[in-house]
């Protein structure tokens, strides 16, 4: 009697081991979206690319979100989750606002795509609403009127988000050519110095130190100027 040969390996056990795919859940979908956005920017976020990253089908992604806009809003909300964690709201309100502004700025610098979507849909972004609320509460502590609080909080948040979204590292093309950040900025400074000094006195004034300026220090100086204006209104 011939010995029986081993049963052929089932298709289920061939190739990838069972259970090795990323677990599919709403938090996992959001985390994968953030990673994809950080790596390749907002144009790269498609359901097909996300499904490939998570090793699943496009239909499975739609089980958790309705579309790309929801993905972007939920991803934005996710990266804002820790902004308030390091802020002691019981400190001096001006210091709280400065710390909160710096933390939000750093977060937007780390996730360059997020500035365009912050506060776009607060039903999907409760963390952005909490940040706005935290700013507003600090202005309330200064005994400002409701209109002043609204204007001050809205203006500061707009400045932070605008700065965080607009201030960028130099284009990759320059890095590939071996041009440093300072050399890149110096080209602008030299062009400004070549302009007529009587017509462009401001540009001539700032040009000599422009290439060496620090973006974050410049941003915080802007926050200080903004808050100094609020302080002046208090009398």
Foldseek 3Di string as FASTA:
>chain_A
DDDDDDDDDDPQPPDDHPPPFPDDDLVVLLVLQQVQCLVPNDVRDDLVNSCVVRVHDSVSVCVRPVGSLLSLLLNLLVLLPCLCVPADLVPQLLVSLLSSLLSLLVSCQSRLRNLVPQPVDCVSRVSSVVSLVSQLVSVVVLVDDPVVSVVLSVVSVCLSSVLSNPDHQDDVVCVVVVQDQLNVLLVVLVVLCPDDCVVCVPSVVCSVCRSVDDSSVVSSVVSVVSVVVVVVVSD
